[in-house]
Amino acid sequence: MKIDVSKNGLEYLDNICNDERLNVWHLCLLLAITRLAYRQNEGRIIRVSRSKLMKMSHIDTIPTYHKYFKQLQNFGYIKYIPSYHPGYRSTIELL
């Protein structure tokens, strides 16, 4: 099910809060991604950087970040589109 965070914020929060697979680190990352979406006035496609997401989610180690970020992809919450160009940021699509 695809959710537009800008229009259905409460439904989005209900879905993530009711998912027993998610722990505090997943929620911190999702909160950071959602916060970036609102800052960028985006509902679905968010421009991100690892360092910014780590800082906003209070995750201090890269292995921890990658573990939970990958799990969010596997659980179907986000789709990560990497950018290999130094002038363009990678993007995340909220699913």
Protein backbone atom coordinates (compact mmCIF):
# COMPACT_ATOMS: atom_id res chain seq x y z
CA MET A 1 0.00 0.00 0.00
CA LYS A 2 1.45 3.37 -0.99
CA ILE A 3 0.98 6.27 1.39
CA ASP A 4 1.38 9.96 0.63
CA VAL A 5 2.87 11.32 3.84
CA SER A 6 1.85 14.91 3.10
CA LYS A 7 -1.85 14.00 2.96
CA ASN A 8 -2.14 10.98 5.21
CA GLY A 9 0.35 11.64 7.99
CA LEU A 10 -1.76 10.07 10.72
CA GLU A 11 -2.38 6.91 8.68
CA TYR A 12 1.36 6.69 7.95
CA LEU A 13 2.19 6.99 11.67
CA ASP A 14 -0.44 4.40 12.58
CA ASN A 15 1.05 1.94 10.09
CA ILE A 16 4.59 2.25 11.37
CA CYS A 17 3.57 2.21 15.04
CA ASN A 18 1.55 -0.98 14.57
CA ASP A 19 4.32 -2.88 12.74
CA GLU A 20 5.92 -5.19 15.31
CA ARG A 21 8.99 -5.74 13.09
CA LEU A 22 10.12 -2.16 13.68
CA ASN A 23 12.26 -1.12 16.62
CA VAL A 24 13.46 2.25 17.87
CA TRP A 25 16.20 2.53 15.21
CA HIS A 26 13.76 1.92 12.37
CA LEU A 27 11.42 4.53 13.82
CA CYS A 28 14.25 7.05 14.22
CA LEU A 29 15.22 6.62 10.58
CA LEU A 30 11.62 6.87 9.38
CA LEU A 31 11.12 9.97 11.49
CA ALA A 32 14.26 11.55 10.00
CA ILE A 33 13.12 10.69 6.46
CA THR A 34 9.64 12.05 7.14
CA ARG A 35 11.12 15.21 8.64
CA LEU A 36 13.20 15.75 5.50
CA ALA A 37 10.10 15.21 3.36
CA TYR A 38 8.24 17.96 5.20
CA ARG A 39 11.24 20.29 5.06
CA GLN A 40 11.52 19.74 1.30
CA ASN A 41 7.75 20.05 0.77
CA GLU A 42 7.74 16.58 -0.73
CA GLY A 43 5.21 13.86 -0.22
CA ARG A 44 6.99 10.89 -1.73
CA ILE A 45 10.45 11.56 -3.22
CA ILE A 46 13.02 12.92 -0.76
CA ARG A 47 16.62 13.95 -1.48
CA VAL A 48 18.88 12.51 1.22
CA SER A 49 22.44 12.06 2.36
CA ARG A 50 23.66 9.39 4.73
CA SER A 51 25.39 11.86 7.03
CA LYS A 52 22.27 13.98 7.38
CA LEU A 53 20.03 10.98 8.07
CA MET A 54 22.49 9.61 10.62
CA LYS A 55 22.64 12.94 12.42
CA MET A 56 18.87 13.45 12.40
CA SER A 57 18.18 9.90 13.60
CA HIS A 58 20.95 9.95 16.25
CA ILE A 59 22.60 6.86 14.80
CA ASP A 60 26.34 7.06 15.41
CA THR A 61 27.75 4.08 13.52
CA ILE A 62 27.63 3.35 9.81
CA PRO A 63 27.00 -0.42 10.25
CA THR A 64 23.96 0.30 12.44
CA TYR A 65 22.66 2.82 9.93
CA HIS A 66 23.07 0.42 6.99
CA LYS A 67 21.47 -2.48 8.87
CA TYR A 68 18.25 -0.65 9.69
CA PHE A 69 18.14 1.32 6.44
CA LYS A 70 18.35 -1.94 4.47
CA GLN A 71 15.64 -3.51 6.64
CA LEU A 72 13.32 -0.58 5.91
CA GLN A 73 13.84 -1.29 2.22
CA ASN A 74 13.17 -5.01 2.70
CA PHE A 75 10.04 -4.31 4.76
CA GLY A 76 8.67 -2.16 1.93
CA TYR A 77 8.69 1.21 3.67
CA ILE A 78 11.20 2.93 1.40
CA LYS A 79 12.76 2.57 -2.02
CA TYR A 80 16.32 3.88 -2.17
CA ILE A 81 17.60 5.33 -5.45
CA PRO A 82 21.35 5.97 -5.16
CA SER A 83 23.07 8.73 -7.05
CA TYR A 84 26.64 8.13 -8.08
CA HIS A 85 27.11 11.72 -9.22
CA PRO A 86 28.81 13.96 -6.64
CA GLY A 87 26.58 16.90 -7.53
CA TYR A 88 23.27 15.08 -7.04
CA ARG A 89 21.86 13.57 -3.87
CA SER A 90 20.41 10.12 -3.63
CA THR A 91 16.66 9.89 -3.22
CA ILE A 92 14.24 7.86 -1.14
CA GLU A 93 10.71 7.11 -2.23
CA LEU A 94 8.24 6.50 0.57
CA LEU A 95 6.11 3.48 -0.21
